[in-house]
Amino acid sequence: MLEVSYMKVFVRQHDQERMSREFKGVGADLWEVYQGDVLVGVYQSESEAIKYKECLEKQSEESQGNNCI
């Protein structure tokens, strides 16, 4: 029997201190999606990051592979 453990998925804004000067100059924000302690996606809009997070959570509940890409 396969045992699946649920990993917490969360979105957070990318740390401005880690961005390059050029990227800061554009004025863009990055949003990171984490599954547990693993970075699984980076998006330029919060809404896209949240959509990916919700897809991962849904698939985790259904115990399917990653089809969120």
Protein backbone atom coordinates (compact mmCIF):
# COMPACT_ATOMS: atom_id res chain seq x y z
CA MET A 1 0.00 0.00 0.00
CA LEU A 2 1.35 3.43 -0.99
CA GLU A 3 1.32 5.98 1.80
CA VAL A 4 1.06 9.62 0.72
CA SER A 5 1.93 12.39 3.13
CA TYR A 6 0.56 15.88 2.53
CA MET A 7 3.21 18.58 2.21
CA LYS A 8 2.32 22.16 2.99
CA VAL A 9 2.29 24.35 -0.12
CA PHE A 10 2.72 28.11 0.29
CA VAL A 11 3.39 31.26 -1.72
CA ARG A 12 5.67 34.07 -0.67
CA GLN A 13 7.09 37.17 -2.28
CA HIS A 14 10.69 36.83 -3.44
CA ASP A 15 13.19 38.57 -1.15
CA GLN A 16 14.12 41.90 -2.78
CA GLU A 17 17.63 41.68 -1.29
CA ARG A 18 18.39 38.60 -3.40
CA MET A 19 17.34 40.21 -6.69
CA SER A 20 19.82 41.59 -9.19
CA ARG A 21 20.14 45.34 -9.67
CA GLU A 22 18.72 45.00 -13.18
CA PHE A 23 15.65 43.11 -12.02
CA LYS A 24 15.01 45.63 -9.25
CA GLY A 25 15.31 48.43 -11.80
CA VAL A 26 12.45 46.98 -13.84
CA GLY A 27 10.25 47.20 -10.76
CA ALA A 28 8.93 43.66 -11.10
CA ASP A 29 8.03 41.36 -8.23
CA LEU A 30 8.57 37.64 -8.11
CA TRP A 31 6.41 35.15 -6.24
CA GLU A 32 7.80 31.83 -5.07
CA VAL A 33 5.80 28.63 -4.55
CA TYR A 34 7.17 26.14 -2.03
CA GLN A 35 6.11 22.58 -1.37
CA GLY A 36 7.48 21.76 2.04
CA ASP A 37 11.01 23.19 2.03
CA VAL A 38 11.42 22.85 -1.75
CA LEU A 39 11.04 25.75 -4.19
CA VAL A 40 8.80 24.37 -6.95
CA GLY A 41 7.91 27.48 -8.94
CA VAL A 42 8.64 31.18 -9.48
CA TYR A 43 6.08 33.51 -11.03
CA GLN A 44 5.91 37.19 -11.97
CA SER A 45 2.36 37.56 -10.70
CA GLU A 46 0.86 36.60 -7.38
CA SER A 47 -2.29 35.30 -9.07
CA GLU A 48 -0.31 32.82 -11.21
CA ALA A 49 1.62 31.63 -8.14
CA ILE A 50 -1.62 31.10 -6.23
CA LYS A 51 -3.14 29.22 -9.18
CA TYR A 52 -0.13 26.87 -9.24
CA LYS A 53 -0.31 26.41 -5.44
CA GLU A 54 -4.00 25.47 -5.67
CA CYS A 55 -3.26 23.01 -8.46
CA LEU A 56 -0.54 21.33 -6.37
CA GLU A 57 -2.84 21.12 -3.34
CA LYS A 58 -5.64 19.61 -5.42
CA GLN A 59 -3.31 17.01 -6.91
CA SER A 60 -1.90 16.19 -3.49
CA GLU A 61 -5.43 15.50 -2.25
CA GLU A 62 -6.12 13.33 -5.29
CA SER A 63 -2.70 11.60 -5.04
CA GLN A 64 -1.86 12.23 -8.70
CA GLY A 65 1.33 13.23 -10.47
CA ASN A 66 2.30 16.83 -11.26
CA ASN A 67 0.16 18.06 -14.17
CA CYS A 68 0.17 21.70 -13.09
CA ILE A 69 2.87 22.87 -15.49
